[in-house]
Amino acid sequence: MHHALIYMRMQLRSVAAFLFVSLVSLHSTPALATGFTEPGGESYQTDDGTVSLVWGESESGGAANRVFEVRRWMSGSSLEGQLVYEGQDTASFVSGLNEGEYSFRIRSKPEGGTYPEWGDESLSVTVDYIDMAIVWPLMAAGSVCFVVLILTIVFGRRAVAGKESA
């Protein structure tokens, strides 16, 4: 039940993020990648495994026909990282992250050019789901309420039917 609620919440956020990314893409010009403008800061914490990433222009202004690459690394991993997004949009939505710490980085190149080396700037994302010690008692209380409701409906209907036949 808890996982179904998390899944529904993620789906709703995915739709909202898609609409947000579409609007940002329509009203912004791809630019040099200098870091993420959203979420603000160097670190971000989420309790549902999702993050909306937005990047913008450099101080020197935008540059048309730029291609952006966003990659994700698990904490402690020195591999090449997993490709999250590559294209000309200036926003992306990431969902389905497991608990743990992630590092996101962005770089850009002119269309048809080559990517530069990765810079030092990154976004640290920590995913920390709700503690199961809280979830199980809440699910048990919800189950008890559900059973009581069903029993009230069944026995209430029998009581009303018995009074009507008498």
C-alpha atoms as a PDB file:
ATOM      1  CA  MET A   1       0.000   0.000   0.000  1.00  0.00           C
ATOM      2  CA  HIS A   2       2.785   2.392   0.960  1.00  0.00           C
ATOM      3  CA  HIS A   3       4.684   1.613  -2.239  1.00  0.00           C
ATOM      4  CA  ALA A   4       1.527   2.200  -4.276  1.00  0.00           C
ATOM      5  CA  LEU A   5       1.116   5.627  -2.683  1.00  0.00           C
ATOM      6  CA  ILE A   6       4.735   6.485  -3.380  1.00  0.00           C
ATOM      7  CA  TYR A   7       4.329   5.287  -6.980  1.00  0.00           C
ATOM      8  CA  MET A   8       1.179   7.401  -7.480  1.00  0.00           C
ATOM      9  CA  ARG A   9       2.929  10.407  -5.942  1.00  0.00           C
ATOM     10  CA  MET A  10       5.912   9.904  -8.249  1.00  0.00           C
ATOM     11  CA  GLN A  11       3.630   9.644 -11.293  1.00  0.00           C
ATOM     12  CA  LEU A  12       1.850  12.889 -10.395  1.00  0.00           C
ATOM     13  CA  ARG A  13       5.190  14.616  -9.891  1.00  0.00           C
ATOM     14  CA  SER A  14       6.406  13.191 -13.207  1.00  0.00           C
ATOM     15  CA  VAL A  15       3.447  14.720 -15.051  1.00  0.00           C
ATOM     16  CA  ALA A  16       3.897  18.051 -13.274  1.00  0.00           C
ATOM     17  CA  ALA A  17       7.625  18.021 -13.981  1.00  0.00           C
ATOM     18  CA  PHE A  18       7.026  17.185 -17.658  1.00  0.00           C
ATOM     19  CA  LEU A  19       4.738  20.195 -17.959  1.00  0.00           C
ATOM     20  CA  PHE A  20       7.271  22.351 -16.110  1.00  0.00           C
ATOM     21  CA  VAL A  21      10.153  21.176 -18.318  1.00  0.00           C
ATOM     22  CA  SER A  22       8.050  21.799 -21.434  1.00  0.00           C
ATOM     23  CA  LEU A  23       7.277  25.356 -20.350  1.00  0.00           C
ATOM     24  CA  VAL A  24      10.901  26.071 -19.410  1.00  0.00           C
ATOM     25  CA  SER A  25      12.066  24.686 -22.752  1.00  0.00           C
ATOM     26  CA  LEU A  26       9.654  26.874 -24.696  1.00  0.00           C
ATOM     27  CA  HIS A  27      10.681  30.087 -22.950  1.00  0.00           C
ATOM     28  CA  SER A  28      14.423  29.665 -22.603  1.00  0.00           C
ATOM     29  CA  THR A  29      17.385  29.522 -24.934  1.00  0.00           C
ATOM     30  CA  PRO A  30      19.920  26.753 -24.382  1.00  0.00           C
ATOM     31  CA  ALA A  31      23.061  28.228 -22.901  1.00  0.00           C
ATOM     32  CA  LEU A  32      26.457  27.391 -21.533  1.00  0.00           C
ATOM     33  CA  ALA A  33      26.132  25.051 -18.593  1.00  0.00           C
ATOM     34  CA  THR A  34      27.572  26.542 -15.419  1.00  0.00           C
ATOM     35  CA  GLY A  35      25.650  24.489 -12.874  1.00  0.00           C
ATOM     36  CA  PHE A  36      22.143  23.796 -11.712  1.00  0.00           C
ATOM     37  CA  THR A  37      19.896  26.735 -10.870  1.00  0.00           C
ATOM     38  CA  GLU A  38      17.223  24.456  -9.390  1.00  0.00           C
ATOM     39  CA  PRO A  39      17.245  23.026  -6.823  1.00  0.00           C
ATOM     40  CA  GLY A  40      19.312  25.854  -5.360  1.00  0.00           C
ATOM     41  CA  GLY A  41      22.507  25.211  -3.443  1.00  0.00           C
ATOM     42  CA  GLU A  42      25.075  22.444  -3.562  1.00  0.00           C
ATOM     43  CA  SER A  43      22.911  19.799  -1.895  1.00  0.00           C
ATOM     44  CA  TYR A  44      19.310  18.679  -1.948  1.00  0.00           C
ATOM     45  CA  GLN A  45      17.347  16.146   0.120  1.00  0.00           C
ATOM     46  CA  THR A  46      14.276  14.275  -1.093  1.00  0.00           C
ATOM     47  CA  ASP A  47      11.981  11.762   0.597  1.00  0.00           C
ATOM     48  CA  ASP A  48      10.370  10.368  -2.565  1.00  0.00           C
ATOM     49  CA  GLY A  49      13.301   9.661  -4.904  1.00  0.00           C
ATOM     50  CA  THR A  50      12.619  12.529  -7.322  1.00  0.00           C
ATOM     51  CA  VAL A  51      14.491  15.705  -8.247  1.00  0.00           C
ATOM     52  CA  SER A  52      13.744  18.429 -10.780  1.00  0.00           C
ATOM     53  CA  LEU A  53      16.932  19.788 -12.361  1.00  0.00           C
ATOM     54  CA  VAL A  54      17.130  23.177 -14.087  1.00  0.00           C
ATOM     55  CA  TRP A  55      20.223  24.817 -15.500  1.00  0.00           C
ATOM     56  CA  GLY A  56      20.639  28.199 -17.117  1.00  0.00           C
ATOM     57  CA  GLU A  57      22.890  30.705 -18.828  1.00  0.00           C
ATOM     58  CA  SER A  58      26.458  31.587 -17.992  1.00  0.00           C
ATOM     59  CA  GLU A  59      27.612  35.072 -17.073  1.00  0.00           C
ATOM     60  CA  SER A  60      28.697  35.625 -20.689  1.00  0.00           C
ATOM     61  CA  GLY A  61      25.144  35.117 -21.927  1.00  0.00           C
ATOM     62  CA  GLY A  62      23.377  32.360 -23.782  1.00  0.00           C
ATOM     63  CA  ALA A  63      24.710  30.485 -26.764  1.00  0.00           C
ATOM     64  CA  ALA A  64      22.352  29.042 -29.362  1.00  0.00           C
ATOM     65  CA  ASN A  65      22.601  25.425 -30.504  1.00  0.00           C
ATOM     66  CA  ARG A  66      24.201  24.035 -27.332  1.00  0.00           C
ATOM     67  CA  VAL A  67      23.888  20.393 -26.329  1.00  0.00           C
ATOM     68  CA  PHE A  68      23.804  19.576 -22.620  1.00  0.00           C
ATOM     69  CA  GLU A  69      24.833  16.371 -20.872  1.00  0.00           C
ATOM     70  CA  VAL A  70      23.703  15.535 -17.336  1.00  0.00           C
ATOM     71  CA  ARG A  71      25.152  12.499 -15.570  1.00  0.00           C
ATOM     72  CA  ARG A  72      24.513  10.869 -12.200  1.00  0.00           C
ATOM     73  CA  TRP A  73      26.994   9.110  -9.934  1.00  0.00           C
ATOM     74  CA  MET A  74      26.266   7.049  -6.836  1.00  0.00           C
ATOM     75  CA  SER A  75      28.201   8.150  -3.753  1.00  0.00           C
ATOM     76  CA  GLY A  76      31.725   6.744  -3.848  1.00  0.00           C
ATOM     77  CA  SER A  77      31.535   5.660  -7.497  1.00  0.00           C
ATOM     78  CA  SER A  78      34.373   6.733  -9.784  1.00  0.00           C
ATOM     79  CA  LEU A  79      32.940   5.205 -12.950  1.00  0.00           C
ATOM     80  CA  GLU A  80      31.732   7.230 -15.923  1.00  0.00           C
ATOM     81  CA  GLY A  81      28.342   7.837 -14.337  1.00  0.00           C
ATOM     82  CA  GLN A  82      24.889   7.150 -15.723  1.00  0.00           C
ATOM     83  CA  LEU A  83      23.569   9.403 -18.483  1.00  0.00           C
ATOM     84  CA  VAL A  84      20.448  11.188 -17.218  1.00  0.00           C
ATOM     85  CA  TYR A  85      19.858  13.635 -20.067  1.00  0.00           C
ATOM     86  CA  GLU A  86      21.468  14.747 -23.317  1.00  0.00           C
ATOM     87  CA  GLY A  87      19.917  17.402 -25.534  1.00  0.00           C
ATOM     88  CA  GLN A  88      19.112  21.089 -25.931  1.00  0.00           C
ATOM     89  CA  ASP A  89      16.522  21.519 -23.145  1.00  0.00           C
ATOM     90  CA  THR A  90      17.487  23.392 -19.979  1.00  0.00           C
ATOM     91  CA  ALA A  91      15.601  21.202 -17.502  1.00  0.00           C
ATOM     92  CA  SER A  92      15.100  17.538 -16.665  1.00  0.00           C
ATOM     93  CA  PHE A  93      13.153  15.496 -14.119  1.00  0.00           C
ATOM     94  CA  VAL A  94      14.690  12.450 -12.443  1.00  0.00           C
ATOM     95  CA  SER A  95      12.539   9.900 -10.604  1.00  0.00           C
ATOM     96  CA  GLY A  96      12.872   6.389  -9.217  1.00  0.00           C
ATOM     97  CA  LEU A  97      16.028   7.013  -7.184  1.00  0.00           C
ATOM     98  CA  ASN A  98      16.757   4.442  -4.480  1.00  0.00           C
ATOM     99  CA  GLU A  99      17.858   5.504  -1.006  1.00  0.00           C
ATOM    100  CA  GLY A 100      21.386   6.825  -0.967  1.00  0.00           C
ATOM    101  CA  GLU A 101      23.552   9.734  -2.024  1.00  0.00           C
ATOM    102  CA  TYR A 102      23.932  10.840  -5.634  1.00  0.00           C
ATOM    103  CA  SER A 103      26.045  13.412  -7.414  1.00  0.00           C
ATOM    104  CA  PHE A 104      24.737  15.156 -10.557  1.00  0.00           C
ATOM    105  CA  ARG A 105      26.962  17.053 -12.990  1.00  0.00           C
ATOM    106  CA  ILE A 106      26.294  19.002 -16.157  1.00  0.00           C
ATOM    107  CA  ARG A 107      28.400  20.115 -19.093  1.00  0.00           C
ATOM    108  CA  SER A 108      27.672  21.557 -22.523  1.00  0.00           C
ATOM    109  CA  LYS A 109      29.156  21.684 -26.000  1.00  0.00           C
ATOM    110  CA  PRO A 110      28.354  23.435 -29.258  1.00  0.00           C
ATOM    111  CA  GLU A 111      26.146  21.294 -31.493  1.00  0.00           C
ATOM    112  CA  GLY A 112      28.502  18.964 -33.358  1.00  0.00           C
ATOM    113  CA  GLY A 113      31.419  19.798 -31.013  1.00  0.00           C
ATOM    114  CA  THR A 114      33.030  17.815 -28.222  1.00  0.00           C
ATOM    115  CA  TYR A 115      32.353  17.985 -24.500  1.00  0.00           C
ATOM    116  CA  PRO A 116      34.971  19.578 -22.233  1.00  0.00           C
ATOM    117  CA  GLU A 117      36.246  17.759 -19.150  1.00  0.00           C
ATOM    118  CA  TRP A 118      33.918  17.696 -16.142  1.00  0.00           C
ATOM    119  CA  GLY A 119      34.181  20.739 -13.870  1.00  0.00           C
ATOM    120  CA  ASP A 120      34.242  20.696 -10.075  1.00  0.00           C
ATOM    121  CA  GLU A 121      30.668  21.931  -9.735  1.00  0.00           C
ATOM    122  CA  SER A 122      28.096  19.266  -8.839  1.00  0.00           C
ATOM    123  CA  LEU A 123      24.782  18.838  -7.064  1.00  0.00           C
ATOM    124  CA  SER A 124      24.640  16.371  -4.186  1.00  0.00           C
ATOM    125  CA  VAL A 125      21.224  14.686  -3.767  1.00  0.00           C
ATOM    126  CA  THR A 126      20.348  12.588  -0.716  1.00  0.00           C
ATOM    127  CA  VAL A 127      17.348  10.258  -0.944  1.00  0.00           C
ATOM    128  CA  ASP A 128      15.937   9.257   2.446  1.00  0.00           C
ATOM    129  CA  TYR A 129      12.536   7.567   2.443  1.00  0.00           C
ATOM    130  CA  ILE A 130      10.099   7.562   5.362  1.00  0.00           C
ATOM    131  CA  ASP A 131      11.209   5.252   8.175  1.00  0.00           C
ATOM    132  CA  MET A 132       9.387   1.901   8.030  1.00  0.00           C
ATOM    133  CA  ALA A 133       9.027   1.968  11.840  1.00  0.00           C
ATOM    134  CA  ILE A 134       6.477   4.732  11.262  1.00  0.00           C
ATOM    135  CA  VAL A 135       4.895   3.286   8.123  1.00  0.00           C
ATOM    136  CA  TRP A 136       3.899  -0.149   9.503  1.00  0.00           C
ATOM    137  CA  PRO A 137       1.910   1.170  12.522  1.00  0.00           C
ATOM    138  CA  LEU A 138       0.128   3.654  10.258  1.00  0.00           C
ATOM    139  CA  MET A 139      -0.743   0.898   7.775  1.00  0.00           C
ATOM    140  CA  ALA A 140      -1.999  -1.307  10.643  1.00  0.00           C
ATOM    141  CA  ALA A 141      -4.202   1.521  11.969  1.00  0.00           C
ATOM    142  CA  GLY A 142      -5.579   2.107   8.468  1.00  0.00           C
ATOM    143  CA  SER A 143      -6.334  -1.609   8.077  1.00  0.00           C
ATOM    144  CA  VAL A 144      -8.183  -1.699  11.410  1.00  0.00           C
ATOM    145  CA  CYS A 145     -10.266   1.338  10.378  1.00  0.00           C
ATOM    146  CA  PHE A 146     -11.072  -0.339   7.056  1.00  0.00           C
ATOM    147  CA  VAL A 147     -12.201  -3.590   8.722  1.00  0.00           C
ATOM    148  CA  VAL A 148     -14.328  -1.682  11.268  1.00  0.00           C
ATOM    149  CA  LEU A 149     -15.956   0.287   8.441  1.00  0.00           C
ATOM    150  CA  ILE A 150     -16.798  -2.858   6.467  1.00  0.00           C
ATOM    151  CA  LEU A 151     -18.201  -4.597   9.576  1.00  0.00           C
ATOM    152  CA  THR A 152     -20.294  -1.507  10.416  1.00  0.00           C
ATOM    153  CA  ILE A 153     -21.765  -1.477   6.904  1.00  0.00           C
ATOM    154  CA  VAL A 154     -22.523  -5.219   6.880  1.00  0.00           C
ATOM    155  CA  PHE A 155     -24.002  -5.427  10.393  1.00  0.00           C
ATOM    156  CA  GLY A 156     -25.778  -2.080  10.041  1.00  0.00           C
ATOM    157  CA  ARG A 157     -27.489  -3.289   6.883  1.00  0.00           C
ATOM    158  CA  ARG A 158     -28.561  -6.526   8.610  1.00  0.00           C
ATOM    159  CA  ALA A 159     -29.953  -4.573  11.570  1.00  0.00           C
ATOM    160  CA  VAL A 160     -31.950  -2.277   9.239  1.00  0.00           C
ATOM    161  CA  ALA A 161     -33.186  -5.256   7.194  1.00  0.00           C
ATOM    162  CA  GLY A 162     -34.267  -7.037  10.421  1.00  0.00           C
ATOM    163  CA  LYS A 163     -36.265  -4.008  11.618  1.00  0.00           C
ATOM    164  CA  GLU A 164     -37.985  -3.635   8.236  1.00  0.00           C
ATOM    165  CA  SER A 165     -39.144  -7.282   8.198  1.00  0.00           C
ATOM    166  CA  ALA A 166     -40.547  -7.114  11.723  1.00  0.00           C
END
